[in-house]
Amino acid sequence: MRSKKLFSLSMMLFVLLVFGFVVSIEASLATWSRTYGGESMEVAHCLVVTSDGGYALAGYTWSFGAGIADFWLIKTDALGNEEWNRTYGGPGYEEAYCLVETSDGGYALLGDALLVKTDAYGNMEWNQTYGQFIRALVETSGGGFALAGHKNDDFWLIKTDDYGNMEWNMTYGRGRSDRAYALVETSDGGYVLAGETISNGYGDSPYWESWLVKTDASGVMEWNQTCIRGGARAVVQTSDGGYALTGYIGALNPLIGIEYYCWLVKTDAYGNMLWNWTYGDGSALSLMETFDGGYALAGSAGLIRIDAHGNMIWNQTYKGGTVYALAETSDGGYALAGNTGSIVSGKTDLWLAKTDELGFIPEFHPPYICVGSPQNKTYTTDRVSLNFTVNEEASWMGYSLDGQKNVTITEKTLTLTGLTDGSHNIVVYATDTDGNTVTSETTHFTIKATPTKWIATIAIATVATAAAAIIIIYTKTKKKQNKK
């Protein structure tokens, strides 16, 4: 009986250990960064998480291909390791802005006026040109593709068959210049186009407004709404049946002219604006609704995470990296695509990165330090424990107490002893493996250990004095009694 109980306990312990190990593996989020390129300029504008758990990214290359610039499609595994790449284009300039993984496992790429369809390995099956400016692409639920852009300064919507042959097209005009940059197929089988409408403002100066157009499945306009001054670059239909769109908004600064900010607009199902917020400098180029009903947007300001009401939760910037597209990954992190390097310098690489749930990529962030103790309080002992954490592997750690020279430490728990009474301050330093050094906030604390000792000494002395006095009184009294 005892052996059975021991066996049962052993099995329970084994299960708990294994379960704990599995949970720890699932809880950890992999982060990495990869670049792909040649001797010239390469940029990724679009990204998809593929059905096999890998990634496909597309943009353009100047280093490879037949023309000045060609479409470039790269397929990777789940860790960003390249599996294959393909270029598409002629002697001119071709730049891919949209990418979808198609229902047959292949890919469709769109840029300017060119649509390319490939098989699952990037081999081109067919291509079509449409003669005007096109920037948005979706594979439709009924088969074929829908494309959006502008034609003769009007929004332009095209519906094609499975081979890119045009079935119908519609234009929609409002201002003196209307340009569509984003497209989504809606839950009712229709379409929403988003972009900007430019009309005359004060003194005939151009006035930009974001414009949202809703059509039925045949491209007939059902409604349209202008939302806010600025321009839309991405749109999604949200889980509540409304829409969210992002892009840029301009504000006049009397000193330096127009400044641009990322913004997010939330509308109801008919395009009526419910709220809008701005976040940082630049323009947002990619948008998604997150699993919790919030939003993530990416662009020149980096990666921004927003709750369901438009409040910013956090934002991350990536020094040396420009983000054009994003996707949410199955582990709660994000995949980002864009480029590293500078277009001005003439050398850039395609960039693909995987972040954790807070948008961190270690090599693009210096370490940060959290000091758990000593806290900003008074200690009645001259012995204080120091605890701190560093968010990534450190090649060196140290601290400075009261401005003294840095003391190297090898553990993240340290006991300070022999501290004198009075105020003290301590700063912790850490250097990561890339040579980035960061400093914690200065922590102030006070030691008042000696007064306690004084009180004890005085008390003992007082008791001793009193005892001596009692002895003296007792002795004198005894002598008097003896004399009698």
Protein backbone atom coordinates (compact mmCIF):
# COMPACT_ATOMS: atom_id res chain seq x y z
CA MET A 1 0.00 0.00 0.00
CA ARG A 2 2.82 2.35 0.91
CA SER A 3 4.60 1.64 -2.39
CA LYS A 4 1.43 2.51 -4.31
CA LYS A 5 1.16 5.84 -2.51
CA LEU A 6 4.81 6.60 -3.21
CA PHE A 7 4.30 5.72 -6.88
CA SER A 8 1.21 7.98 -7.09
CA LEU A 9 3.07 10.87 -5.47
CA SER A 10 6.00 10.36 -7.82
CA MET A 11 3.71 10.42 -10.85
CA MET A 12 1.99 13.58 -9.62
CA LEU A 13 5.34 15.26 -9.13
CA PHE A 14 6.47 14.16 -12.60
CA VAL A 15 3.29 15.55 -14.20
CA LEU A 16 3.65 18.85 -12.34
CA LEU A 17 7.28 19.18 -13.38
CA VAL A 18 6.50 18.37 -17.02
CA PHE A 19 3.48 20.67 -17.03
CA GLY A 20 5.53 23.46 -15.52
CA PHE A 21 8.22 22.93 -18.14
CA VAL A 22 5.67 23.05 -20.98
CA VAL A 23 4.07 26.19 -19.59
CA SER A 24 7.46 27.87 -19.29
CA ILE A 25 8.23 27.04 -22.92
CA GLU A 26 4.87 28.33 -24.15
CA ALA A 27 5.16 31.48 -22.06
CA SER A 28 8.46 32.48 -23.62
CA LEU A 29 8.20 34.60 -26.76
CA ALA A 30 10.90 34.23 -29.37
CA THR A 31 12.34 37.47 -30.75
CA TRP A 32 14.67 37.83 -33.69
CA SER A 33 15.64 40.12 -36.55
CA ARG A 34 16.69 39.24 -40.12
CA THR A 35 17.82 41.28 -43.13
CA TYR A 36 17.93 40.34 -46.82
CA GLY A 37 19.59 42.33 -49.56
CA GLY A 38 22.41 43.00 -51.97
CA GLU A 39 24.68 45.94 -52.70
CA SER A 40 21.98 48.52 -53.37
CA MET A 41 18.48 49.33 -52.08
CA GLU A 42 15.85 46.82 -50.99
CA VAL A 43 12.63 47.66 -49.10
CA ALA A 44 9.70 45.52 -47.88
CA HIS A 45 6.25 47.16 -48.04
CA CYS A 46 4.06 44.17 -47.19
CA LEU A 47 4.01 41.04 -45.04
CA VAL A 48 1.85 37.97 -44.47
CA VAL A 49 2.06 35.14 -41.96
CA THR A 50 1.82 32.09 -44.21
CA SER A 51 -0.31 29.00 -43.66
CA ASP A 52 2.79 26.92 -42.77
CA GLY A 53 3.72 29.29 -39.93
CA GLY A 54 6.43 31.11 -41.86
CA TYR A 55 6.44 34.54 -43.45
CA ALA A 56 6.31 36.08 -46.91
CA LEU A 57 7.39 39.66 -47.50
CA ALA A 58 7.43 41.71 -50.67
CA GLY A 59 8.68 45.06 -51.85
CA TYR A 60 11.38 45.95 -54.33
CA THR A 61 15.02 45.31 -55.10
CA TRP A 62 17.60 47.38 -56.95
CA SER A 63 20.33 44.78 -56.53
CA PHE A 64 18.66 41.90 -58.34
CA GLY A 65 16.20 41.41 -61.21
CA ALA A 66 15.91 42.63 -64.78
CA GLY A 67 15.08 46.31 -64.40
CA ILE A 68 15.90 49.44 -62.46
CA ALA A 69 13.76 48.06 -59.67
CA ASP A 70 11.73 44.85 -59.59
CA PHE A 71 9.13 43.22 -57.36
CA TRP A 72 10.93 41.08 -54.79
CA LEU A 73 9.19 38.25 -52.93
CA ILE A 74 10.93 36.37 -50.10
CA LYS A 75 9.58 33.31 -48.30
CA THR A 76 11.00 32.37 -44.87
CA ASP A 77 10.39 29.77 -42.21
CA ALA A 78 9.00 30.58 -38.76
CA LEU A 79 12.39 31.91 -37.59
CA GLY A 80 12.96 34.16 -40.57
CA ASN A 81 15.43 31.88 -42.34
CA GLU A 82 15.08 32.40 -46.09
CA GLU A 83 13.61 29.46 -48.01
CA TRP A 84 13.49 31.09 -51.45
CA ASN A 85 13.17 34.45 -53.20
CA ARG A 86 11.91 35.60 -56.60
CA THR A 87 11.98 38.82 -58.65
CA TYR A 88 9.34 39.94 -61.15
CA GLY A 89 9.42 42.80 -63.62
CA GLY A 90 10.76 44.17 -66.85
CA PRO A 91 13.36 46.79 -67.77
CA GLY A 92 11.50 49.59 -65.99
CA TYR A 93 10.61 50.30 -62.38
CA GLU A 94 8.31 47.92 -60.49
CA GLU A 95 7.60 48.25 -56.76
CA ALA A 96 5.25 45.89 -54.85
CA TYR A 97 2.97 47.50 -52.27
CA CYS A 98 0.50 44.66 -51.57
CA LEU A 99 0.83 40.93 -50.96
CA VAL A 100 -1.74 38.21 -50.22
CA GLU A 101 -1.39 34.46 -49.77
CA THR A 102 -4.06 33.11 -52.10
CA SER A 103 -6.53 30.31 -51.38
CA ASP A 104 -4.55 27.89 -53.59
CA GLY A 105 -1.39 28.40 -51.50
CA GLY A 106 0.29 30.78 -53.94
CA TYR A 107 0.80 34.53 -53.76
CA ALA A 108 -0.49 37.66 -55.46
CA LEU A 109 1.62 40.85 -55.54
CA LEU A 110 0.44 44.27 -56.62
CA GLY A 111 2.34 47.46 -57.31
CA ASP A 112 1.39 50.60 -59.21
CA ALA A 113 -0.32 49.04 -62.28
CA LEU A 114 1.08 45.48 -62.19
CA LEU A 115 -0.55 42.37 -60.65
CA VAL A 116 1.51 39.16 -60.44
CA LYS A 117 0.19 35.72 -59.45
CA THR A 118 2.59 32.94 -58.39
CA ASP A 119 2.40 29.37 -57.17
CA ALA A 120 3.40 28.29 -53.65
CA TYR A 121 7.12 28.48 -54.57
CA GLY A 122 7.02 31.91 -56.15
CA ASN A 123 6.99 30.75 -59.77
CA MET A 124 4.98 33.25 -61.79
CA GLU A 125 1.74 31.85 -63.23
CA TRP A 126 0.45 35.04 -64.86
CA ASN A 127 0.57 38.84 -64.67
CA GLN A 128 -1.74 41.68 -65.65
CA THR A 129 -1.31 45.44 -66.05
CA TYR A 130 -4.07 48.04 -65.68
CA GLY A 131 -2.52 51.29 -66.82
CA GLN A 132 -3.25 53.46 -63.79
CA PHE A 133 -2.13 53.92 -60.19
CA ILE A 134 -3.17 50.95 -57.94
CA ARG A 135 -2.15 50.47 -54.31
CA ALA A 136 -4.53 47.99 -52.61
CA LEU A 137 -5.43 44.34 -53.20
CA VAL A 138 -7.68 41.65 -51.68
CA GLU A 139 -8.61 38.16 -52.80
CA THR A 140 -12.41 38.16 -52.75
CA SER A 141 -14.58 35.55 -51.06
CA GLY A 142 -16.33 34.78 -54.37
CA GLY A 143 -13.09 34.27 -56.28
CA GLY A 144 -10.84 36.64 -58.17
CA PHE A 145 -9.39 39.86 -56.86
CA ALA A 146 -10.42 43.41 -56.00
CA LEU A 147 -7.96 46.27 -56.55
CA ALA A 148 -8.14 49.91 -55.52
CA GLY A 149 -6.24 53.05 -56.48
CA HIS A 150 -7.05 56.14 -58.46
CA LYS A 151 -7.88 56.95 -62.06
CA ASN A 152 -8.10 60.48 -63.41
CA ASP A 153 -8.04 61.85 -59.84
CA ASP A 154 -10.94 59.67 -58.65
CA PHE A 155 -11.06 56.62 -56.39
CA TRP A 156 -10.91 53.54 -58.62
CA LEU A 157 -12.18 50.05 -57.78
CA ILE A 158 -11.53 47.05 -60.05
CA LYS A 159 -12.94 43.52 -59.81
CA THR A 160 -11.12 40.74 -61.68
CA ASP A 161 -11.54 37.02 -62.23
CA ASP A 162 -9.09 34.38 -60.96
CA TYR A 163 -6.62 35.28 -63.72
CA GLY A 164 -6.65 39.04 -63.25
CA ASN A 165 -8.97 39.76 -66.18
CA MET A 166 -11.09 42.82 -65.41
CA GLU A 167 -14.77 42.01 -64.83
CA TRP A 168 -15.86 45.54 -63.94
CA ASN A 169 -14.47 48.82 -62.59
CA MET A 170 -16.01 51.87 -60.90
CA THR A 171 -14.77 55.37 -60.08
CA TYR A 172 -15.85 57.66 -57.24
CA GLY A 173 -15.08 61.37 -57.08
CA ARG A 174 -15.54 64.09 -54.50
CA GLY A 175 -12.79 66.71 -54.58
CA ARG A 176 -10.37 67.96 -57.18
CA SER A 177 -8.10 65.00 -56.44
CA ASP A 178 -9.10 61.71 -54.76
CA ARG A 179 -6.66 58.87 -54.13
CA ALA A 180 -7.44 55.45 -52.62
CA TYR A 181 -4.65 53.66 -50.75
CA ALA A 182 -6.50 50.95 -48.80
CA LEU A 183 -9.23 48.40 -49.45
CA VAL A 184 -11.13 45.77 -47.48
CA GLU A 185 -13.87 43.33 -48.46
CA THR A 186 -16.69 43.79 -45.95
CA SER A 187 -18.72 41.10 -44.20
CA ASP A 188 -21.70 41.71 -46.52
CA GLY A 189 -19.61 41.05 -49.64
CA GLY A 190 -19.14 44.72 -50.51
CA TYR A 191 -16.03 46.88 -50.29
CA VAL A 192 -14.66 49.83 -48.35
CA LEU A 193 -12.01 52.07 -49.90
CA ALA A 194 -9.99 54.54 -47.84
CA GLY A 195 -7.62 57.30 -48.85
CA GLU A 196 -7.71 61.04 -49.16
CA THR A 197 -9.74 63.68 -50.92
CA ILE A 198 -8.11 66.98 -51.78
CA SER A 199 -10.28 70.03 -52.26
CA ASN A 200 -9.69 73.78 -52.03
CA GLY A 201 -9.36 75.22 -48.56
CA TYR A 202 -8.86 78.80 -47.47
CA GLY A 203 -7.40 80.93 -50.24
CA ASP A 204 -7.65 78.02 -52.72
CA SER A 205 -4.88 76.15 -50.85
CA PRO A 206 -5.18 72.35 -50.89
CA TYR A 207 -7.20 70.86 -48.05
CA TRP A 208 -6.69 67.14 -47.30
CA GLU A 209 -9.36 65.00 -45.71
CA SER A 210 -9.48 61.25 -45.23
CA TRP A 211 -12.28 59.73 -47.28
CA LEU A 212 -14.13 56.47 -46.73
CA VAL A 213 -16.30 54.96 -49.51
CA LYS A 214 -18.57 51.93 -49.00
CA THR A 215 -19.91 49.97 -51.99
CA ASP A 216 -22.01 46.87 -52.52
CA ALA A 217 -20.65 43.68 -54.10
CA SER A 218 -21.06 45.21 -57.58
CA GLY A 219 -19.16 48.39 -56.75
CA VAL A 220 -22.22 50.64 -56.45
CA MET A 221 -21.61 53.29 -53.79
CA GLU A 222 -23.80 52.94 -50.71
CA TRP A 223 -22.35 55.78 -48.64
CA ASN A 224 -19.22 57.89 -48.19
CA GLN A 225 -17.79 59.85 -45.28
CA THR A 226 -14.96 62.29 -44.70
CA CYS A 227 -13.42 61.72 -41.31
CA ILE A 228 -10.67 64.16 -40.43
CA ARG A 229 -8.08 66.38 -42.03
CA GLY A 230 -5.25 64.15 -43.22
CA GLY A 231 -4.96 61.01 -45.31
CA ALA A 232 -5.80 57.33 -44.73
CA ARG A 233 -3.24 54.65 -45.58
CA ALA A 234 -4.86 51.54 -44.04
CA VAL A 235 -8.38 50.40 -43.09
CA VAL A 236 -9.92 47.40 -41.32
CA GLN A 237 -13.47 46.35 -40.60
CA THR A 238 -13.70 45.94 -36.83
CA SER A 239 -15.37 43.17 -34.86
CA ASP A 240 -18.31 45.46 -33.96
CA GLY A 241 -19.13 46.03 -37.65
CA GLY A 242 -17.57 49.47 -37.83
CA TYR A 243 -14.26 50.55 -39.32
CA ALA A 244 -10.85 51.77 -38.16
CA LEU A 245 -8.52 53.70 -40.41
CA THR A 246 -5.06 55.11 -39.90
CA GLY A 247 -2.55 57.28 -41.73
CA TYR A 248 -1.40 60.81 -41.05
CA ILE A 249 -2.82 64.14 -39.98
CA GLY A 250 -1.18 67.49 -40.64
CA ALA A 251 -0.98 70.39 -38.19
CA LEU A 252 0.42 73.82 -38.97
CA ASN A 253 3.40 74.86 -36.87
CA PRO A 254 4.06 78.60 -37.42
CA LEU A 255 7.80 78.09 -36.94
CA ILE A 256 8.51 75.10 -39.20
CA GLY A 257 5.38 74.65 -41.32
CA ILE A 258 3.17 71.55 -41.41
CA GLU A 259 3.95 68.75 -38.97
CA TYR A 260 2.56 65.25 -39.47
CA TYR A 261 1.29 62.85 -36.82
CA CYS A 262 0.08 59.26 -36.79
CA TRP A 263 -3.64 59.04 -36.15
CA LEU A 264 -6.34 56.44 -35.69
CA VAL A 265 -10.03 56.98 -36.46
CA LYS A 266 -12.84 54.70 -35.28
CA THR A 267 -16.22 54.83 -37.05
CA ASP A 268 -19.56 53.07 -36.78
CA ALA A 269 -20.93 50.76 -39.47
CA TYR A 270 -21.88 53.75 -41.64
CA GLY A 271 -18.58 55.58 -41.43
CA ASN A 272 -19.66 58.13 -38.81
CA MET A 273 -16.61 59.04 -36.73
CA LEU A 274 -16.85 57.89 -33.09
CA TRP A 275 -13.42 59.07 -31.96
CA ASN A 276 -9.95 59.88 -33.22
CA TRP A 277 -6.50 60.09 -31.61
CA THR A 278 -3.03 61.13 -32.68
CA TYR A 279 0.19 59.37 -31.63
CA GLY A 280 3.68 60.73 -32.23
CA ASP A 281 5.31 62.14 -35.32
CA GLY A 282 5.14 60.67 -38.82
CA SER A 283 2.63 58.50 -40.63
CA ALA A 284 1.05 55.11 -39.96
CA LEU A 285 1.08 52.70 -42.91
CA SER A 286 -0.30 49.44 -41.51
CA LEU A 287 -3.17 48.65 -39.13
CA MET A 288 -4.74 45.60 -37.51
CA GLU A 289 -7.37 44.88 -34.86
CA THR A 290 -5.82 42.83 -32.07
CA PHE A 291 -7.25 39.78 -30.31
CA ASP A 292 -8.53 41.88 -27.37
CA GLY A 293 -10.43 44.40 -29.51
CA GLY A 294 -7.65 46.96 -29.49
CA TYR A 295 -5.37 47.99 -32.34
CA ALA A 296 -1.77 47.88 -33.47
CA LEU A 297 -0.43 50.27 -36.07
CA ALA A 298 2.98 50.58 -37.64
CA GLY A 299 4.79 53.18 -39.69
CA SER A 300 7.48 55.79 -39.47
CA ALA A 301 6.81 56.14 -35.73
CA GLY A 302 7.50 52.43 -35.14
CA LEU A 303 4.96 50.08 -33.55
CA ILE A 304 2.10 51.47 -31.46
CA ARG A 305 -0.31 49.39 -29.35
CA ILE A 306 -3.71 50.91 -28.59
CA ASP A 307 -6.71 49.78 -26.53
CA ALA A 308 -10.30 49.53 -27.79
CA HIS A 309 -10.97 53.18 -26.93
CA GLY A 310 -7.94 54.65 -28.68
CA ASN A 311 -5.72 55.05 -25.61
CA MET A 312 -2.08 54.23 -26.29
CA ILE A 313 -0.86 51.26 -24.21
CA TRP A 314 2.75 51.37 -25.39
CA ASN A 315 4.87 52.27 -28.38
CA GLN A 316 8.23 51.05 -29.64
CA THR A 317 10.68 52.64 -32.04
CA TYR A 318 13.50 50.78 -33.75
CA LYS A 319 16.64 52.83 -34.32
CA GLY A 320 18.02 51.89 -37.72
CA GLY A 321 14.79 50.15 -38.78
CA THR A 322 11.73 51.50 -40.65
CA VAL A 323 8.44 49.61 -40.32
CA TYR A 324 5.96 49.42 -43.21
CA ALA A 325 3.86 46.36 -42.35
CA LEU A 326 2.91 44.24 -39.35
CA ALA A 327 1.06 41.07 -38.42
CA GLU A 328 0.06 39.54 -35.08
CA THR A 329 1.71 36.19 -34.42
CA SER A 330 0.16 33.14 -32.77
CA ASP A 331 2.21 33.55 -29.56
CA GLY A 332 0.94 37.09 -28.93
CA GLY A 333 3.92 38.91 -30.42
CA TYR A 334 4.22 40.80 -33.71
CA ALA A 335 6.00 40.34 -37.03
CA LEU A 336 7.30 43.52 -38.66
CA ALA A 337 8.57 44.18 -42.18
CA GLY A 338 10.34 47.18 -43.67
CA ASN A 339 13.97 48.08 -44.15
CA THR A 340 17.17 48.82 -42.31
CA GLY A 341 19.67 51.42 -43.47
CA SER A 342 18.99 54.75 -45.14
CA ILE A 343 17.45 55.36 -48.55
CA VAL A 344 19.34 58.66 -48.62
CA SER A 345 22.63 56.75 -48.37
CA GLY A 346 21.62 54.44 -51.23
CA LYS A 347 21.96 51.24 -49.18
CA THR A 348 19.03 49.49 -47.50
CA ASP A 349 18.06 45.87 -46.81
CA LEU A 350 14.69 44.21 -46.46
CA TRP A 351 14.00 43.74 -42.78
CA LEU A 352 11.85 41.11 -41.08
CA ALA A 353 11.60 40.98 -37.28
CA LYS A 354 9.67 39.09 -34.64
CA THR A 355 8.86 40.92 -31.39
CA ASP A 356 7.47 39.86 -28.04
CA GLU A 357 4.02 40.94 -26.80
CA LEU A 358 5.37 44.40 -25.89
CA GLY A 359 7.06 45.00 -29.23
CA PHE A 360 10.60 44.44 -27.94
CA ILE A 361 13.44 43.28 -30.16
CA PRO A 362 16.54 43.08 -27.93
CA GLU A 363 19.09 44.28 -30.48
CA PHE A 364 17.05 47.44 -31.11
CA HIS A 365 16.62 48.24 -27.43
CA PRO A 366 19.18 48.96 -24.74
CA PRO A 367 18.62 47.01 -21.50
CA TYR A 368 16.51 48.49 -18.76
CA ILE A 369 16.93 47.98 -15.01
CA CYS A 370 14.38 47.65 -12.24
CA VAL A 371 15.70 48.13 -8.69
CA GLY A 372 13.58 46.35 -6.09
CA SER A 373 15.44 47.56 -3.02
CA PRO A 374 16.66 49.60 -1.28
CA GLN A 375 13.49 51.60 -1.53
CA ASN A 376 13.00 55.27 -0.82
CA LYS A 377 12.55 54.81 2.90
CA THR A 378 14.36 54.82 6.24
CA TYR A 379 16.15 51.70 7.49
CA THR A 380 16.97 51.09 11.15
CA THR A 381 19.86 48.83 10.29
CA ASP A 382 23.21 49.37 8.61
CA ARG A 383 22.66 46.27 6.49
CA VAL A 384 20.45 46.66 3.38
CA SER A 385 19.82 44.21 0.54
CA LEU A 386 19.97 45.40 -3.06
CA ASN A 387 17.85 43.54 -5.64
CA PHE A 388 17.53 44.44 -9.31
CA THR A 389 16.58 42.92 -12.65
CA VAL A 390 17.89 43.50 -16.17
CA ASN A 391 15.63 42.73 -19.15
CA GLU A 392 18.32 40.93 -21.14
CA GLU A 393 21.75 39.34 -20.86
CA ALA A 394 24.32 41.77 -19.48
CA SER A 395 28.04 41.67 -20.21
CA TRP A 396 28.77 43.90 -17.20
CA MET A 397 26.89 45.08 -14.10
CA GLY A 398 27.86 47.51 -11.39
CA TYR A 399 26.66 50.12 -8.93
CA SER A 400 27.69 53.48 -7.55
CA LEU A 401 26.92 54.32 -3.91
CA ASP A 402 26.93 58.01 -2.98
CA GLY A 403 28.85 58.94 -6.11
CA GLN A 404 31.77 56.63 -5.46
CA LYS A 405 33.54 54.79 -8.27
CA ASN A 406 31.49 52.04 -9.92
CA VAL A 407 31.72 48.70 -8.14
CA THR A 408 31.49 45.64 -10.38
CA ILE A 409 28.95 43.03 -9.34
CA THR A 410 28.26 39.56 -10.70
CA GLU A 411 24.96 38.77 -8.98
CA LYS A 412 21.61 40.56 -9.05
CA THR A 413 21.29 40.38 -5.26
CA LEU A 414 23.79 42.28 -3.13
CA THR A 415 23.93 43.13 0.58
CA LEU A 416 25.34 46.54 1.55
CA THR A 417 26.88 46.51 5.05
CA GLY A 418 28.48 49.03 7.36
CA LEU A 419 26.31 51.89 6.10
CA THR A 420 26.69 55.10 8.07
CA ASP A 421 23.74 57.01 9.43
CA GLY A 422 22.24 59.57 7.08
CA SER A 423 21.01 59.83 3.50
CA HIS A 424 22.37 57.63 0.74
CA ASN A 425 21.78 57.22 -2.98
CA ILE A 426 22.57 54.33 -5.27
CA VAL A 427 22.61 53.88 -9.06
CA VAL A 428 22.86 50.54 -10.88
CA TYR A 429 24.49 50.17 -14.30
CA ALA A 430 24.32 47.38 -16.90
CA THR A 431 25.89 46.89 -20.32
CA ASP A 432 24.35 44.44 -22.79
CA THR A 433 26.23 42.20 -25.21
CA ASP A 434 25.96 44.86 -27.95
CA GLY A 435 27.75 47.44 -25.80
CA ASN A 436 24.68 49.50 -24.86
CA THR A 437 24.92 50.81 -21.30
CA VAL A 438 21.91 51.88 -19.28
CA THR A 439 21.55 53.46 -15.87
CA SER A 440 18.77 52.87 -13.37
CA GLU A 441 16.98 55.75 -11.70
CA THR A 442 18.74 57.04 -8.61
CA THR A 443 17.30 55.45 -5.48
CA HIS A 444 17.50 57.46 -2.23
CA PHE A 445 17.29 55.88 1.23
CA THR A 446 18.15 56.77 4.80
CA ILE A 447 19.94 54.87 7.56
CA LYS A 448 19.07 55.60 11.24
CA ALA A 449 20.63 52.63 12.98
CA THR A 450 22.79 54.38 15.65
CA PRO A 451 20.00 56.22 17.55
CA THR A 452 18.51 52.84 18.42
CA LYS A 453 21.86 51.80 19.94
CA TRP A 454 22.06 55.06 21.89
CA ILE A 455 18.62 54.54 23.34
CA ALA A 456 19.55 51.02 24.44
CA THR A 457 22.83 52.26 25.97
CA ILE A 458 21.12 55.12 27.78
CA ALA A 459 18.45 52.77 29.07
CA ILE A 460 21.05 50.34 30.37
CA ALA A 461 23.02 53.19 31.94
CA THR A 462 19.88 54.58 33.55
CA VAL A 463 18.96 51.19 34.98
CA ALA A 464 22.54 50.74 36.24
CA THR A 465 22.53 54.20 37.87
CA ALA A 466 19.20 53.58 39.51
CA ALA A 467 20.40 50.23 40.77
CA ALA A 468 23.53 51.83 42.19
CA ALA A 469 21.46 54.51 43.89
CA ILE A 470 19.24 51.86 45.47
CA ILE A 471 22.31 50.02 46.73
CA ILE A 472 23.73 53.20 48.22
CA ILE A 473 20.44 54.06 49.96
CA TYR A 474 20.12 50.50 51.22
CA THR A 475 23.72 50.58 52.58
CA LYS A 476 23.23 53.88 54.41
CA THR A 477 19.98 52.69 55.95
CA LYS A 478 21.64 49.49 57.12
CA LYS A 479 24.48 51.41 58.81
CA LYS A 480 22.02 53.58 60.74
CA GLN A 481 20.19 50.55 61.98
CA ASN A 482 23.45 48.97 63.17
CA LYS A 483 24.38 52.08 65.15
CA LYS A 484 21.18 51.78 67.08
